[in-house]
Every structure is written in C-alpha cells, then in structure tokens.
Amino acid sequence: MSNQSPHPQNDSPNWLDDYEDLANDQLGNGSSCQQIHPIVETWFSKLMDGDPPESRDSVIQAISCLATEVLYSSPENLIEPIIKDIGEDELAIWIEQILLIGRSFEIALQKGELDDL
C-alpha cells in the first residue's frame, strides 16, 4: 500500500482534496462548488449584514493569537508585499476576520443553518 497522495504535490493544502472529491462524488453531475456556492453566498451575505456570533473573551483572544500565528507562519514572499501596502496590523486584523468567518460558518453548520448543502 502506497503512502502517496492521489493528488499531485503543490503548495495547496492537500488535505482539502479528499473533501472536494467526496463532495463531487455525492453531488453527481456538475461542479460541487457550482451547486453549493449560491447557498454559501446567501449565508455569507447575511453574516456580513449582521454581527458575528457572540464569543467569550477567551475565544476572541484565542482567535487573535491564532491570527498572529498564521501571519508569522505565512510565506514571506506572500506576506511582505501585502505588509508594504497595508501594514502588519491591518493584515493581522484581516486574517482574524477570516478566522471569525470560519468560526461563524462552523457554528452555522452545527446549528443546521446550512442543511441545504
């Protein structure tokens, strides 16, 4: 049995490939993203029109720390040009917002708000 991934090695996170393959298998014809995107887009628009889910202070602090870790572990050739344009603080805030959106997405999935997927 081979330990090699069925997907070519590149800079993308390979662990997501299995999920995409599973979604494509389950959804049948057409791209899974084409079928799911309108549902996610609607959810995202509602999220952006409102407030993120309430969080304990410790969760907010943890997300902020994680954003810093993501920033400092990102490839320099990717991060440096962005920092030159917007600054390190603004980039860290943007990463934090992405993490908050991910957290909100997970909460919505757990609550069944995206059961149409």
PDB file of N, CA and C in Angstrom:
ATOM      1  N   MET A   1       0.851  -1.175   0.000  1.00  0.00           N
ATOM      2  CA  MET A   1       0.000   0.000   0.000  1.00  0.00           C
ATOM      3  C   MET A   1       0.891   1.231   0.000  1.00  0.00           C
ATOM      4  N   SER A   2       0.590   2.169  -0.853  1.00  0.00           N
ATOM      5  CA  SER A   2       1.425   3.359  -1.016  1.00  0.00           C
ATOM      6  C   SER A   2       0.964   4.468  -0.091  1.00  0.00           C
ATOM      7  N   ASN A   3       1.915   5.212   0.436  1.00  0.00           N
ATOM      8  CA  ASN A   3       1.599   6.372   1.273  1.00  0.00           C
ATOM      9  C   ASN A   3       1.432   7.635   0.456  1.00  0.00           C
ATOM     10  N   GLN A   4       1.544   7.511  -0.863  1.00  0.00           N
ATOM     11  CA  GLN A   4       1.445   8.690  -1.702  1.00  0.00           C
ATOM     12  C   GLN A   4       0.001   9.142  -1.841  1.00  0.00           C
ATOM     13  N   SER A   5      -0.165  10.466  -1.873  1.00  0.00           N
ATOM     14  CA  SER A   5      -1.490  11.054  -2.070  1.00  0.00           C
ATOM     15  C   SER A   5      -1.895  10.887  -3.525  1.00  0.00           C
ATOM     16  N   PRO A   6      -3.186  10.701  -3.806  1.00  0.00           N
ATOM     17  CA  PRO A   6      -3.618  10.588  -5.193  1.00  0.00           C
ATOM     18  C   PRO A   6      -3.561  11.928  -5.913  1.00  0.00           C
ATOM     19  N   HIS A   7      -3.244  12.990  -5.195  1.00  0.00           N
ATOM     20  CA  HIS A   7      -3.198  14.324  -5.776  1.00  0.00           C
ATOM     21  C   HIS A   7      -1.757  14.782  -5.880  1.00  0.00           C
ATOM     22  N   PRO A   8      -1.397  15.493  -6.958  1.00  0.00           N
ATOM     23  CA  PRO A   8      -0.017  15.948  -7.113  1.00  0.00           C
ATOM     24  C   PRO A   8       0.375  16.901  -5.987  1.00  0.00           C
ATOM     25  N   GLN A   9       1.640  16.866  -5.616  1.00  0.00           N
ATOM     26  CA  GLN A   9       2.144  17.764  -4.577  1.00  0.00           C
ATOM     27  C   GLN A   9       2.265  19.171  -5.156  1.00  0.00           C
ATOM     28  N   ASN A  10       1.752  20.142  -4.436  1.00  0.00           N
ATOM     29  CA  ASN A  10       1.904  21.547  -4.785  1.00  0.00           C
ATOM     30  C   ASN A  10       1.767  22.350  -3.520  1.00  0.00           C
ATOM     31  N   ASP A  11       1.581  23.638  -3.657  1.00  0.00           N
ATOM     32  CA  ASP A  11       1.520  24.487  -2.478  1.00  0.00           C
ATOM     33  C   ASP A  11       0.129  24.551  -1.852  1.00  0.00           C
ATOM     34  N   SER A  12      -0.851  23.882  -2.430  1.00  0.00           N
ATOM     35  CA  SER A  12      -2.202  23.931  -1.872  1.00  0.00           C
ATOM     36  C   SER A  12      -2.318  22.937  -0.719  1.00  0.00           C
ATOM     37  N   PRO A  13      -3.265  23.202   0.190  1.00  0.00           N
ATOM     38  CA  PRO A  13      -3.448  22.248   1.301  1.00  0.00           C
ATOM     39  C   PRO A  13      -4.108  20.967   0.800  1.00  0.00           C
ATOM     40  N   ASN A  14      -3.315  19.905   0.623  1.00  0.00           N
ATOM     41  CA  ASN A  14      -3.798  18.650   0.031  1.00  0.00           C
ATOM     42  C   ASN A  14      -4.915  18.006   0.822  1.00  0.00           C
ATOM     43  N   TRP A  15      -4.976  18.230   2.123  1.00  0.00           N
ATOM     44  CA  TRP A  15      -5.980  17.559   2.925  1.00  0.00           C
ATOM     45  C   TRP A  15      -7.387  17.984   2.530  1.00  0.00           C
ATOM     46  N   LEU A  16      -7.521  19.096   1.812  1.00  0.00           N
ATOM     47  CA  LEU A  16      -8.842  19.531   1.359  1.00  0.00           C
ATOM     48  C   LEU A  16      -9.306  18.764   0.127  1.00  0.00           C
ATOM     49  N   ASP A  17      -8.370  18.171  -0.607  1.00  0.00           N
ATOM     50  CA  ASP A  17      -8.719  17.469  -1.839  1.00  0.00           C
ATOM     51  C   ASP A  17      -9.714  16.339  -1.593  1.00  0.00           C
ATOM     52  N   ASP A  18      -9.530  15.602  -0.519  1.00  0.00           N
ATOM     53  CA  ASP A  18     -10.444  14.492  -0.221  1.00  0.00           C
ATOM     54  C   ASP A  18     -11.866  14.988  -0.009  1.00  0.00           C
ATOM     55  N   TYR A  19     -12.016  16.135   0.643  1.00  0.00           N
ATOM     56  CA  TYR A  19     -13.346  16.698   0.868  1.00  0.00           C
ATOM     57  C   TYR A  19     -13.980  17.149  -0.445  1.00  0.00           C
ATOM     58  N   GLU A  20     -13.182  17.762  -1.307  1.00  0.00           N
ATOM     59  CA  GLU A  20     -13.711  18.176  -2.604  1.00  0.00           C
ATOM     60  C   GLU A  20     -14.121  16.962  -3.427  1.00  0.00           C
ATOM     61  N   ASP A  21     -13.281  15.931  -3.419  1.00  0.00           N
ATOM     62  CA  ASP A  21     -13.627  14.704  -4.146  1.00  0.00           C
ATOM     63  C   ASP A  21     -14.913  14.085  -3.607  1.00  0.00           C
ATOM     64  N   LEU A  22     -15.047  14.045  -2.282  1.00  0.00           N
ATOM     65  CA  LEU A  22     -16.253  13.498  -1.663  1.00  0.00           C
ATOM     66  C   LEU A  22     -17.480  14.313  -2.073  1.00  0.00           C
ATOM     67  N   ALA A  23     -17.363  15.640  -2.036  1.00  0.00           N
ATOM     68  CA  ALA A  23     -18.485  16.494  -2.426  1.00  0.00           C
ATOM     69  C   ALA A  23     -18.852  16.258  -3.886  1.00  0.00           C
ATOM     70  N   ASN A  24     -17.861  16.170  -4.759  1.00  0.00           N
ATOM     71  CA  ASN A  24     -18.147  15.926  -6.176  1.00  0.00           C
ATOM     72  C   ASN A  24     -18.819  14.575  -6.375  1.00  0.00           C
ATOM     73  N   ASP A  25     -18.377  13.556  -5.640  1.00  0.00           N
ATOM     74  CA  ASP A  25     -18.994  12.227  -5.746  1.00  0.00           C
ATOM     75  C   ASP A  25     -20.442  12.247  -5.275  1.00  0.00           C
ATOM     76  N   GLN A  26     -20.705  12.924  -4.176  1.00  0.00           N
ATOM     77  CA  GLN A  26     -22.040  12.949  -3.583  1.00  0.00           C
ATOM     78  C   GLN A  26     -23.026  13.790  -4.382  1.00  0.00           C
ATOM     79  N   LEU A  27     -22.542  14.831  -5.036  1.00  0.00           N
ATOM     80  CA  LEU A  27     -23.444  15.750  -5.720  1.00  0.00           C
ATOM     81  C   LEU A  27     -23.704  15.366  -7.173  1.00  0.00           C
ATOM     82  N   GLY A  28     -22.991  14.399  -7.662  1.00  0.00           N
ATOM     83  CA  GLY A  28     -23.277  13.933  -9.020  1.00  0.00           C
ATOM     84  C   GLY A  28     -22.759  14.879 -10.077  1.00  0.00           C
ATOM     85  N   ASN A  29     -23.583  15.138 -11.078  1.00  0.00           N
ATOM     86  CA  ASN A  29     -23.170  15.933 -12.233  1.00  0.00           C
ATOM     87  C   ASN A  29     -22.890  17.383 -11.855  1.00  0.00           C
ATOM     88  N   GLY A  30     -21.904  17.925 -12.515  1.00  0.00           N
ATOM     89  CA  GLY A  30     -21.585  19.336 -12.305  1.00  0.00           C
ATOM     90  C   GLY A  30     -20.654  19.528 -11.125  1.00  0.00           C
ATOM     91  N   SER A  31     -20.085  20.686 -11.072  1.00  0.00           N
ATOM     92  CA  SER A  31     -19.159  21.011 -10.003  1.00  0.00           C
ATOM     93  C   SER A  31     -19.898  21.180  -8.689  1.00  0.00           C
ATOM     94  N   SER A  32     -19.332  20.601  -7.651  1.00  0.00           N
ATOM     95  CA  SER A  32     -19.948  20.754  -6.335  1.00  0.00           C
ATOM     96  C   SER A  32     -19.982  22.214  -5.923  1.00  0.00           C
ATOM     97  N   CYS A  33     -18.958  22.947  -6.285  1.00  0.00           N
ATOM     98  CA  CYS A  33     -18.913  24.354  -5.914  1.00  0.00           C
ATOM     99  C   CYS A  33     -20.034  25.134  -6.616  1.00  0.00           C
ATOM    100  N   GLN A  34     -20.332  24.788  -7.861  1.00  0.00           N
ATOM    101  CA  GLN A  34     -21.420  25.473  -8.572  1.00  0.00           C
ATOM    102  C   GLN A  34     -22.759  25.227  -7.882  1.00  0.00           C
ATOM    103  N   GLN A  35     -22.933  24.053  -7.311  1.00  0.00           N
ATOM    104  CA  GLN A  35     -24.185  23.721  -6.653  1.00  0.00           C
ATOM    105  C   GLN A  35     -24.274  24.317  -5.255  1.00  0.00           C
ATOM    106  N   ILE A  36     -23.130  24.366  -4.560  1.00  0.00           N
ATOM    107  CA  ILE A  36     -23.114  24.834  -3.179  1.00  0.00           C
ATOM    108  C   ILE A  36     -22.947  26.346  -3.074  1.00  0.00           C
ATOM    109  N   HIS A  37     -22.265  26.928  -4.034  1.00  0.00           N
ATOM    110  CA  HIS A  37     -21.911  28.343  -3.932  1.00  0.00           C
ATOM    111  C   HIS A  37     -23.094  29.266  -3.647  1.00  0.00           C
ATOM    112  N   PRO A  38     -24.230  29.146  -4.308  1.00  0.00           N
ATOM    113  CA  PRO A  38     -25.346  30.065  -4.004  1.00  0.00           C
ATOM    114  C   PRO A  38     -25.816  29.989  -2.547  1.00  0.00           C
ATOM    115  N   ILE A  39     -25.785  28.806  -1.972  1.00  0.00           N
ATOM    116  CA  ILE A  39     -26.195  28.633  -0.574  1.00  0.00           C
ATOM    117  C   ILE A  39     -25.199  29.327   0.342  1.00  0.00           C
ATOM    118  N   VAL A  40     -23.920  29.110   0.082  1.00  0.00           N
ATOM    119  CA  VAL A  40     -22.872  29.728   0.894  1.00  0.00           C
ATOM    120  C   VAL A  40     -22.882  31.239   0.699  1.00  0.00           C
ATOM    121  N   GLU A  41     -23.075  31.686  -0.525  1.00  0.00           N
ATOM    122  CA  GLU A  41     -23.121  33.129  -0.804  1.00  0.00           C
ATOM    123  C   GLU A  41     -24.255  33.805  -0.039  1.00  0.00           C
ATOM    124  N   THR A  42     -25.411  33.192   0.000  1.00  0.00           N
ATOM    125  CA  THR A  42     -26.545  33.737   0.743  1.00  0.00           C
ATOM    126  C   THR A  42     -26.228  33.806   2.230  1.00  0.00           C
ATOM    127  N   TRP A  43     -25.652  32.722   2.768  1.00  0.00           N
ATOM    128  CA  TRP A  43     -25.273  32.709   4.177  1.00  0.00           C
ATOM    129  C   TRP A  43     -24.248  33.801   4.468  1.00  0.00           C
ATOM    130  N   PHE A  44     -23.248  33.930   3.608  1.00  0.00           N
ATOM    131  CA  PHE A  44     -22.185  34.915   3.800  1.00  0.00           C
ATOM    132  C   PHE A  44     -22.743  36.337   3.767  1.00  0.00           C
ATOM    133  N   SER A  45     -23.637  36.613   2.852  1.00  0.00           N
ATOM    134  CA  SER A  45     -24.253  37.951   2.773  1.00  0.00           C
ATOM    135  C   SER A  45     -25.007  38.284   4.060  1.00  0.00           C
ATOM    136  N   LYS A  46     -25.747  37.314   4.586  1.00  0.00           N
ATOM    137  CA  LYS A  46     -26.461  37.527   5.850  1.00  0.00           C
ATOM    138  C   LYS A  46     -25.485  37.785   6.991  1.00  0.00           C
ATOM    139  N   LEU A  47     -24.390  37.021   7.024  1.00  0.00           N
ATOM    140  CA  LEU A  47     -23.384  37.217   8.067  1.00  0.00           C
ATOM    141  C   LEU A  47     -22.788  38.617   7.991  1.00  0.00           C
ATOM    142  N   MET A  48     -22.469  39.070   6.782  1.00  0.00           N
ATOM    143  CA  MET A  48     -21.838  40.382   6.612  1.00  0.00           C
ATOM    144  C   MET A  48     -22.809  41.520   6.946  1.00  0.00           C
ATOM    145  N   ASP A  49     -24.102  41.265   6.830  1.00  0.00           N
ATOM    146  CA  ASP A  49     -25.108  42.282   7.162  1.00  0.00           C
ATOM    147  C   ASP A  49     -25.362  42.374   8.659  1.00  0.00           C
ATOM    148  N   GLY A  50     -24.908  41.378   9.408  1.00  0.00           N
ATOM    149  CA  GLY A  50     -25.157  41.347  10.847  1.00  0.00           C
ATOM    150  C   GLY A  50     -23.866  41.346  11.628  1.00  0.00           C
ATOM    151  N   ASP A  51     -23.938  40.797  12.813  1.00  0.00           N
ATOM    152  CA  ASP A  51     -22.781  40.700  13.693  1.00  0.00           C
ATOM    153  C   ASP A  51     -22.318  39.248  13.758  1.00  0.00           C
ATOM    154  N   PRO A  52     -21.024  39.044  14.024  1.00  0.00           N
ATOM    155  CA  PRO A  52     -20.561  37.669  14.189  1.00  0.00           C
ATOM    156  C   PRO A  52     -21.168  37.071  15.447  1.00  0.00           C
ATOM    157  N   PRO A  53     -21.152  35.758  15.561  1.00  0.00           N
ATOM    158  CA  PRO A  53     -21.689  35.129  16.770  1.00  0.00           C
ATOM    159  C   PRO A  53     -20.978  35.651  18.016  1.00  0.00           C
ATOM    160  N   GLU A  54     -21.714  35.766  19.089  1.00  0.00           N
ATOM    161  CA  GLU A  54     -21.115  36.215  20.350  1.00  0.00           C
ATOM    162  C   GLU A  54     -20.085  35.194  20.802  1.00  0.00           C
ATOM    163  N   SER A  55     -19.029  35.706  21.387  1.00  0.00           N
ATOM    164  CA  SER A  55     -17.951  34.837  21.854  1.00  0.00           C
ATOM    165  C   SER A  55     -17.480  35.284  23.219  1.00  0.00           C
ATOM    166  N   ARG A  56     -17.031  34.312  23.987  1.00  0.00           N
ATOM    167  CA  ARG A  56     -16.390  34.640  25.262  1.00  0.00           C
ATOM    168  C   ARG A  56     -15.098  35.405  24.960  1.00  0.00           C
ATOM    169  N   ASP A  57     -14.652  36.200  25.905  1.00  0.00           N
ATOM    170  CA  ASP A  57     -13.412  36.962  25.736  1.00  0.00           C
ATOM    171  C   ASP A  57     -12.232  36.041  25.446  1.00  0.00           C
ATOM    172  N   SER A  58     -12.209  34.879  26.092  1.00  0.00           N
ATOM    173  CA  SER A  58     -11.103  33.948  25.877  1.00  0.00           C
ATOM    174  C   SER A  58     -11.078  33.422  24.441  1.00  0.00           C
ATOM    175  N   VAL A  59     -12.251  33.245  23.824  1.00  0.00           N
ATOM    176  CA  VAL A  59     -12.318  32.789  22.436  1.00  0.00           C
ATOM    177  C   VAL A  59     -11.812  33.884  21.506  1.00  0.00           C
ATOM    178  N   ILE A  60     -12.221  35.109  21.765  1.00  0.00           N
ATOM    179  CA  ILE A  60     -11.753  36.229  20.946  1.00  0.00           C
ATOM    180  C   ILE A  60     -10.241  36.363  21.043  1.00  0.00           C
ATOM    181  N   GLN A  61      -9.713  36.225  22.246  1.00  0.00           N
ATOM    182  CA  GLN A  61      -8.270  36.308  22.438  1.00  0.00           C
ATOM    183  C   GLN A  61      -7.564  35.163  21.710  1.00  0.00           C
ATOM    184  N   ALA A  62      -8.113  33.968  21.776  1.00  0.00           N
ATOM    185  CA  ALA A  62      -7.517  32.820  21.103  1.00  0.00           C
ATOM    186  C   ALA A  62      -7.506  33.017  19.584  1.00  0.00           C
ATOM    187  N   ILE A  63      -8.575  33.559  19.037  1.00  0.00           N
ATOM    188  CA  ILE A  63      -8.636  33.815  17.593  1.00  0.00           C
ATOM    189  C   ILE A  63      -7.598  34.857  17.204  1.00  0.00           C
ATOM    190  N   SER A  64      -7.441  35.872  18.027  1.00  0.00           N
ATOM    191  CA  SER A  64      -6.426  36.893  17.770  1.00  0.00           C
ATOM    192  C   SER A  64      -5.024  36.285  17.793  1.00  0.00           C
ATOM    193  N   CYS A  65      -4.759  35.419  18.750  1.00  0.00           N
ATOM    194  CA  CYS A  65      -3.461  34.734  18.827  1.00  0.00           C
ATOM    195  C   CYS A  65      -3.247  33.837  17.612  1.00  0.00           C
ATOM    196  N   LEU A  66      -4.292  33.136  17.196  1.00  0.00           N
ATOM    197  CA  LEU A  66      -4.186  32.273  16.026  1.00  0.00           C
ATOM    198  C   LEU A  66      -3.904  33.095  14.775  1.00  0.00           C
ATOM    199  N   ALA A  67      -4.548  34.245  14.650  1.00  0.00           N
ATOM    200  CA  ALA A  67      -4.295  35.127  13.502  1.00  0.00           C
ATOM    201  C   ALA A  67      -2.830  35.533  13.454  1.00  0.00           C
ATOM    202  N   THR A  68      -2.261  35.831  14.610  1.00  0.00           N
ATOM    203  CA  THR A  68      -0.844  36.197  14.678  1.00  0.00           C
ATOM    204  C   THR A  68       0.026  35.022  14.248  1.00  0.00           C
ATOM    205  N   GLU A  69      -0.309  33.811  14.708  1.00  0.00           N
ATOM    206  CA  GLU A  69       0.455  32.626  14.327  1.00  0.00           C
ATOM    207  C   GLU A  69       0.373  32.384  12.822  1.00  0.00           C
ATOM    208  N   VAL A  70      -0.820  32.548  12.256  1.00  0.00           N
ATOM    209  CA  VAL A  70      -0.983  32.374  10.808  1.00  0.00           C
ATOM    210  C   VAL A  70      -0.138  33.403  10.064  1.00  0.00           C
ATOM    211  N   LEU A  71      -0.178  34.640  10.520  1.00  0.00           N
ATOM    212  CA  LEU A  71       0.588  35.711   9.887  1.00  0.00           C
ATOM    213  C   LEU A  71       2.074  35.386   9.896  1.00  0.00           C
ATOM    214  N   TYR A  72       2.593  35.016  11.053  1.00  0.00           N
ATOM    215  CA  TYR A  72       4.032  34.789  11.176  1.00  0.00           C
ATOM    216  C   TYR A  72       4.499  33.478  10.564  1.00  0.00           C
ATOM    217  N   SER A  73       3.586  32.564  10.284  1.00  0.00           N
ATOM    218  CA  SER A  73       3.990  31.308   9.652  1.00  0.00           C
ATOM    219  C   SER A  73       3.711  31.301   8.147  1.00  0.00           C
ATOM    220  N   SER A  74       3.201  32.408   7.628  1.00  0.00           N
ATOM    221  CA  SER A  74       2.913  32.509   6.193  1.00  0.00           C
ATOM    222  C   SER A  74       4.202  32.751   5.408  1.00  0.00           C
ATOM    223  N   PRO A  75       4.221  32.329   4.163  1.00  0.00           N
ATOM    224  CA  PRO A  75       5.420  32.537   3.340  1.00  0.00           C
ATOM    225  C   PRO A  75       5.752  34.027   3.200  1.00  0.00           C
ATOM    226  N   GLU A  76       7.008  34.348   3.428  1.00  0.00           N
ATOM    227  CA  GLU A  76       7.435  35.753   3.377  1.00  0.00           C
ATOM    228  C   GLU A  76       7.152  36.392   2.023  1.00  0.00           C
ATOM    229  N   ASN A  77       7.359  35.639   0.929  1.00  0.00           N
ATOM    230  CA  ASN A  77       7.132  36.216  -0.398  1.00  0.00           C
ATOM    231  C   ASN A  77       5.664  36.552  -0.638  1.00  0.00           C
ATOM    232  N   LEU A  78       4.776  35.988   0.150  1.00  0.00           N
ATOM    233  CA  LEU A  78       3.355  36.311   0.065  1.00  0.00           C
ATOM    234  C   LEU A  78       3.005  37.482   0.981  1.00  0.00           C
ATOM    235  N   ILE A  79       3.539  37.458   2.171  1.00  0.00           N
ATOM    236  CA  ILE A  79       3.173  38.417   3.205  1.00  0.00           C
ATOM    237  C   ILE A  79       3.848  39.775   3.033  1.00  0.00           C
ATOM    238  N   GLU A  80       5.144  39.790   2.695  1.00  0.00           N
ATOM    239  CA  GLU A  80       5.881  41.049   2.630  1.00  0.00           C
ATOM    240  C   GLU A  80       5.255  42.091   1.707  1.00  0.00           C
ATOM    241  N   PRO A  81       4.842  41.736   0.483  1.00  0.00           N
ATOM    242  CA  PRO A  81       4.227  42.766  -0.380  1.00  0.00           C
ATOM    243  C   PRO A  81       2.912  43.317   0.199  1.00  0.00           C
ATOM    244  N   ILE A  82       2.163  42.462   0.882  1.00  0.00           N
ATOM    245  CA  ILE A  82       0.902  42.916   1.480  1.00  0.00           C
ATOM    246  C   ILE A  82       1.181  43.859   2.636  1.00  0.00           C
ATOM    247  N   ILE A  83       2.153  43.511   3.466  1.00  0.00           N
ATOM    248  CA  ILE A  83       2.509  44.359   4.604  1.00  0.00           C
ATOM    249  C   ILE A  83       2.992  45.720   4.119  1.00  0.00           C
ATOM    250  N   LYS A  84       3.722  45.747   3.017  1.00  0.00           N
ATOM    251  CA  LYS A  84       4.195  47.024   2.464  1.00  0.00           C
ATOM    252  C   LYS A  84       3.015  47.910   2.065  1.00  0.00           C
ATOM    253  N   ASP A  85       1.945  47.291   1.578  1.00  0.00           N
ATOM    254  CA  ASP A  85       0.767  48.049   1.135  1.00  0.00           C
ATOM    255  C   ASP A  85      -0.150  48.461   2.281  1.00  0.00           C
ATOM    256  N   ILE A  86      -0.443  47.510   3.193  1.00  0.00           N
ATOM    257  CA  ILE A  86      -1.457  47.820   4.206  1.00  0.00           C
ATOM    258  C   ILE A  86      -0.944  47.809   5.635  1.00  0.00           C
ATOM    259  N   GLY A  87       0.220  47.265   5.862  1.00  0.00           N
ATOM    260  CA  GLY A  87       0.762  47.220   7.215  1.00  0.00           C
ATOM    261  C   GLY A  87       0.448  45.912   7.912  1.00  0.00           C
ATOM    262  N   GLU A  88       1.292  45.571   8.880  1.00  0.00           N
ATOM    263  CA  GLU A  88       1.173  44.299   9.594  1.00  0.00           C
ATOM    264  C   GLU A  88      -0.100  44.227  10.442  1.00  0.00           C
ATOM    265  N   ASP A  89      -0.448  45.320  11.123  1.00  0.00           N
ATOM    266  CA  ASP A  89      -1.645  45.310  11.970  1.00  0.00           C
ATOM    267  C   ASP A  89      -2.908  45.071  11.162  1.00  0.00           C
ATOM    268  N   GLU A  90      -3.008  45.744  10.021  1.00  0.00           N
ATOM    269  CA  GLU A  90      -4.199  45.585   9.184  1.00  0.00           C
ATOM    270  C   GLU A  90      -4.290  44.167   8.622  1.00  0.00           C
ATOM    271  N   LEU A  91      -3.133  43.598   8.251  1.00  0.00           N
ATOM    272  CA  LEU A  91      -3.130  42.228   7.744  1.00  0.00           C
ATOM    273  C   LEU A  91      -3.546  41.247   8.837  1.00  0.00           C
ATOM    274  N   ALA A  92      -3.058  41.448  10.049  1.00  0.00           N
ATOM    275  CA  ALA A  92      -3.439  40.579  11.165  1.00  0.00           C
ATOM    276  C   ALA A  92      -4.943  40.671  11.426  1.00  0.00           C
ATOM    277  N   ILE A  93      -5.499  41.861  11.343  1.00  0.00           N
ATOM    278  CA  ILE A  93      -6.946  42.039  11.540  1.00  0.00           C
ATOM    279  C   ILE A  93      -7.727  41.322  10.437  1.00  0.00           C
ATOM    280  N   TRP A  94      -7.242  41.395   9.212  1.00  0.00           N
ATOM    281  CA  TRP A  94      -7.910  40.732   8.090  1.00  0.00           C
ATOM    282  C   TRP A  94      -7.897  39.219   8.290  1.00  0.00           C
ATOM    283  N   ILE A  95      -6.747  38.677   8.709  1.00  0.00           N
ATOM    284  CA  ILE A  95      -6.657  37.238   8.969  1.00  0.00           C
ATOM    285  C   ILE A  95      -7.612  36.861  10.096  1.00  0.00           C
ATOM    286  N   GLU A  96      -7.671  37.693  11.131  1.00  0.00           N
ATOM    287  CA  GLU A  96      -8.584  37.441  12.243  1.00  0.00           C
ATOM    288  C   GLU A  96     -10.030  37.417  11.760  1.00  0.00           C
ATOM    289  N   GLN A  97     -10.384  38.325  10.857  1.00  0.00           N
ATOM    290  CA  GLN A  97     -11.742  38.347  10.319  1.00  0.00           C
ATOM    291  C   GLN A  97     -12.043  37.084   9.527  1.00  0.00           C
ATOM    292  N   ILE A  98     -11.069  36.590   8.788  1.00  0.00           N
ATOM    293  CA  ILE A  98     -11.261  35.340   8.052  1.00  0.00           C
ATOM    294  C   ILE A  98     -11.506  34.191   9.026  1.00  0.00           C
ATOM    295  N   LEU A  99     -10.739  34.161  10.107  1.00  0.00           N
ATOM    296  CA  LEU A  99     -10.936  33.113  11.117  1.00  0.00           C
ATOM    297  C   LEU A  99     -12.316  33.229  11.767  1.00  0.00           C
ATOM    298  N   LEU A 100     -12.768  34.441  12.012  1.00  0.00           N
ATOM    299  CA  LEU A 100     -14.105  34.642  12.587  1.00  0.00           C
ATOM    300  C   LEU A 100     -15.189  34.165  11.622  1.00  0.00           C
ATOM    301  N   ILE A 101     -14.993  34.404  10.340  1.00  0.00           N
ATOM    302  CA  ILE A 101     -15.953  33.924   9.346  1.00  0.00           C
ATOM    303  C   ILE A 101     -15.972  32.395   9.350  1.00  0.00           C
ATOM    304  N   GLY A 102     -14.797  31.777   9.435  1.00  0.00           N
ATOM    305  CA  GLY A 102     -14.725  30.310   9.511  1.00  0.00           C
ATOM    306  C   GLY A 102     -15.433  29.780  10.738  1.00  0.00           C
ATOM    307  N   ARG A 103     -15.229  30.457  11.863  1.00  0.00           N
ATOM    308  CA  ARG A 103     -15.910  30.053  13.103  1.00  0.00           C
ATOM    309  C   ARG A 103     -17.422  30.201  12.947  1.00  0.00           C
ATOM    310  N   SER A 104     -17.846  31.293  12.370  1.00  0.00           N
ATOM    311  CA  SER A 104     -19.279  31.522  12.140  1.00  0.00           C
ATOM    312  C   SER A 104     -19.850  30.454  11.217  1.00  0.00           C
ATOM    313  N   PHE A 105     -19.071  30.062  10.218  1.00  0.00           N
ATOM    314  CA  PHE A 105     -19.507  29.033   9.282  1.00  0.00           C
ATOM    315  C   PHE A 105     -19.684  27.698  10.003  1.00  0.00           C
ATOM    316  N   GLU A 106     -18.719  27.357  10.844  1.00  0.00           N
ATOM    317  CA  GLU A 106     -18.820  26.112  11.611  1.00  0.00           C
ATOM    318  C   GLU A 106     -20.040  26.129  12.524  1.00  0.00           C
ATOM    319  N   ILE A 107     -20.283  27.253  13.185  1.00  0.00           N
ATOM    320  CA  ILE A 107     -21.447  27.373  14.065  1.00  0.00           C
ATOM    321  C   ILE A 107     -22.737  27.204  13.267  1.00  0.00           C
ATOM    322  N   ALA A 108     -22.796  27.826  12.084  1.00  0.00           N
ATOM    323  CA  ALA A 108     -23.985  27.709  11.239  1.00  0.00           C
ATOM    324  C   ALA A 108     -24.208  26.263  10.811  1.00  0.00           C
ATOM    325  N   LEU A 109     -23.132  25.565  10.481  1.00  0.00           N
ATOM    326  CA  LEU A 109     -23.257  24.154  10.110  1.00  0.00           C
ATOM    327  C   LEU A 109     -23.776  23.324  11.277  1.00  0.00           C
ATOM    328  N   GLN A 110     -23.244  23.574  12.470  1.00  0.00           N
ATOM    329  CA  GLN A 110     -23.667  22.822  13.647  1.00  0.00           C
ATOM    330  C   GLN A 110     -25.118  23.103  14.011  1.00  0.00           C
ATOM    331  N   LYS A 111     -25.580  24.312  13.776  1.00  0.00           N
ATOM    332  CA  LYS A 111     -26.966  24.675  14.088  1.00  0.00           C
ATOM    333  C   LYS A 111     -27.945  24.237  13.015  1.00  0.00           C
ATOM    334  N   GLY A 112     -27.430  23.719  11.896  1.00  0.00           N
ATOM    335  CA  GLY A 112     -28.308  23.281  10.813  1.00  0.00           C
ATOM    336  C   GLY A 112     -28.737  24.412   9.895  1.00  0.00           C
ATOM    337  N   GLU A 113     -28.080  25.562   9.994  1.00  0.00           N
ATOM    338  CA  GLU A 113     -28.468  26.700   9.148  1.00  0.00           C
ATOM    339  C   GLU A 113     -28.091  26.500   7.689  1.00  0.00           C
ATOM    340  N   LEU A 114     -27.243  25.530   7.412  1.00  0.00           N
ATOM    341  CA  LEU A 114     -26.820  25.252   6.039  1.00  0.00           C
ATOM    342  C   LEU A 114     -27.176  23.830   5.639  1.00  0.00           C
ATOM    343  N   ASP A 115     -28.286  23.330   6.169  1.00  0.00           N
ATOM    344  CA  ASP A 115     -28.685  21.956   5.887  1.00  0.00           C
ATOM    345  C   ASP A 115     -29.020  21.707   4.416  1.00  0.00           C
ATOM    346  N   ASP A 116     -29.198  22.777   3.643  1.00  0.00           N
ATOM    347  CA  ASP A 116     -29.488  22.612   2.217  1.00  0.00           C
ATOM    348  C   ASP A 116     -28.263  22.181   1.430  1.00  0.00           C
ATOM    349  N   LEU A 117     -27.100  22.155   2.061  1.00  0.00           N
ATOM    350  CA  LEU A 117     -25.870  21.785   1.342  1.00  0.00           C
ATOM    351  C   LEU A 117     -25.934  20.350   0.875  1.00  0.00           C
TER     352      LEU A 117
END
